[in-house]
Amino acid sequence: MQHDHEHTHDEKGYWKATLGLIRNVLIVWFVVSYGFGIILAPMLNSIKLGGYPLGFWFAHQGSMYIFVALIFIYAKLMGNLDEKFGVSEK
């Protein structure tokens, strides 16, 4: 029984933190894809990046770079949460 008590975790806190992280990643995803790529594109098009309007760049290339970065950021932050709550795979 001693073994079970050593591995009790704050499950509610862990899931609250996990869902908060997922929520924040989805907010960034939404703002970048829908906000910058569609809604704010006309306003962003007045700014040039590499000779292309910024709104166009976000809609066609920039969003993908942000999404790939989000994958690595999410993995790092999720690893930090796992360690904080004692559920890491290490």
Protein backbone atom coordinates (compact mmCIF):
# COMPACT_ATOMS: atom_id res chain seq x y z
CA MET A 1 0.00 0.00 0.00
CA GLN A 2 2.90 2.34 0.66
CA HIS A 3 3.72 2.25 -3.05
CA ASP A 4 0.27 3.57 -4.00
CA HIS A 5 0.54 6.56 -1.68
CA GLU A 6 3.86 7.57 -3.20
CA HIS A 7 2.22 7.96 -6.61
CA THR A 8 -0.89 9.90 -5.69
CA HIS A 9 -1.07 13.02 -7.79
CA ASP A 10 -3.14 16.16 -7.87
CA GLU A 11 -5.25 14.89 -10.79
CA LYS A 12 -7.66 17.84 -10.76
CA GLY A 13 -4.81 20.35 -10.73
CA TYR A 14 -3.00 18.45 -13.47
CA TRP A 15 -6.03 18.33 -15.75
CA LYS A 16 -6.89 21.95 -15.05
CA ALA A 17 -3.34 22.97 -16.03
CA THR A 18 -3.40 20.65 -19.07
CA LEU A 19 -6.73 22.00 -20.31
CA GLY A 20 -5.54 25.56 -19.71
CA LEU A 21 -2.47 24.89 -21.86
CA ILE A 22 -4.60 23.33 -24.61
CA ARG A 23 -6.98 26.31 -24.43
CA ASN A 24 -4.09 28.76 -24.83
CA VAL A 25 -2.61 26.83 -27.77
CA LEU A 26 -6.02 26.79 -29.47
CA ILE A 27 -6.45 30.53 -28.90
CA VAL A 28 -3.10 31.20 -30.58
CA TRP A 29 -4.05 28.81 -33.41
CA PHE A 30 -7.39 30.59 -33.91
CA VAL A 31 -5.93 34.10 -33.81
CA VAL A 32 -3.16 33.22 -36.27
CA SER A 33 -5.27 31.22 -38.72
CA TYR A 34 -8.63 32.95 -38.62
CA GLY A 35 -7.64 36.35 -37.26
CA PHE A 36 -4.41 37.12 -39.11
CA GLY A 37 -5.17 35.00 -42.19
CA ILE A 38 -8.76 36.12 -42.78
CA ILE A 39 -10.26 38.84 -40.54
CA LEU A 40 -7.23 41.10 -40.14
CA ALA A 41 -5.69 40.27 -43.53
CA PRO A 42 -6.85 43.49 -45.25
CA MET A 43 -5.31 45.59 -42.47
CA LEU A 44 -2.11 43.50 -42.37
CA ASN A 45 -1.73 43.69 -46.15
CA SER A 46 -0.44 47.25 -45.80
CA ILE A 47 2.71 45.73 -44.25
CA LYS A 48 5.10 43.91 -46.59
CA LEU A 49 7.15 40.85 -45.61
CA GLY A 50 9.58 39.58 -48.21
CA GLY A 51 7.73 41.57 -50.87
CA TYR A 52 4.35 40.01 -50.04
CA PRO A 53 1.48 41.55 -48.09
CA LEU A 54 1.60 40.34 -44.47
CA GLY A 55 -2.02 39.12 -44.47
CA PHE A 56 -1.34 37.02 -47.57
CA TRP A 57 1.89 35.71 -46.00
CA PHE A 58 0.05 34.60 -42.83
CA ALA A 59 -2.71 32.94 -44.84
CA HIS A 60 -0.31 30.97 -47.02
CA GLN A 61 2.94 30.48 -45.12
CA GLY A 62 3.13 32.20 -41.77
CA SER A 63 0.38 30.18 -40.17
CA MET A 64 2.22 26.94 -40.92
CA TYR A 65 5.40 28.24 -39.27
CA ILE A 66 3.42 29.30 -36.21
CA PHE A 67 1.64 25.91 -36.07
CA VAL A 68 4.93 23.99 -36.20
CA ALA A 69 6.32 26.25 -33.46
CA LEU A 70 3.15 25.58 -31.42
CA ILE A 71 3.83 21.83 -31.60
CA PHE A 72 7.28 22.27 -30.05
CA ILE A 73 6.07 24.85 -27.53
CA TYR A 74 3.18 22.60 -26.49
CA ALA A 75 5.48 19.57 -26.13
CA LYS A 76 7.94 21.54 -23.97
CA LEU A 77 5.25 23.09 -21.76
CA MET A 78 3.41 19.76 -21.42
CA GLY A 79 6.69 18.13 -20.37
CA ASN A 80 7.13 20.85 -17.75
CA LEU A 81 3.60 20.21 -16.45
CA ASP A 82 4.24 16.47 -16.30
CA GLU A 83 7.37 17.04 -14.23
CA LYS A 84 5.63 19.56 -11.97
CA PHE A 85 2.82 17.11 -11.19
CA GLY A 86 5.09 14.07 -10.98
CA VAL A 87 3.69 12.22 -13.99
CA SER A 88 6.66 12.56 -16.33
CA GLU A 89 7.98 9.54 -18.16
CA LYS A 90 11.49 10.03 -16.79
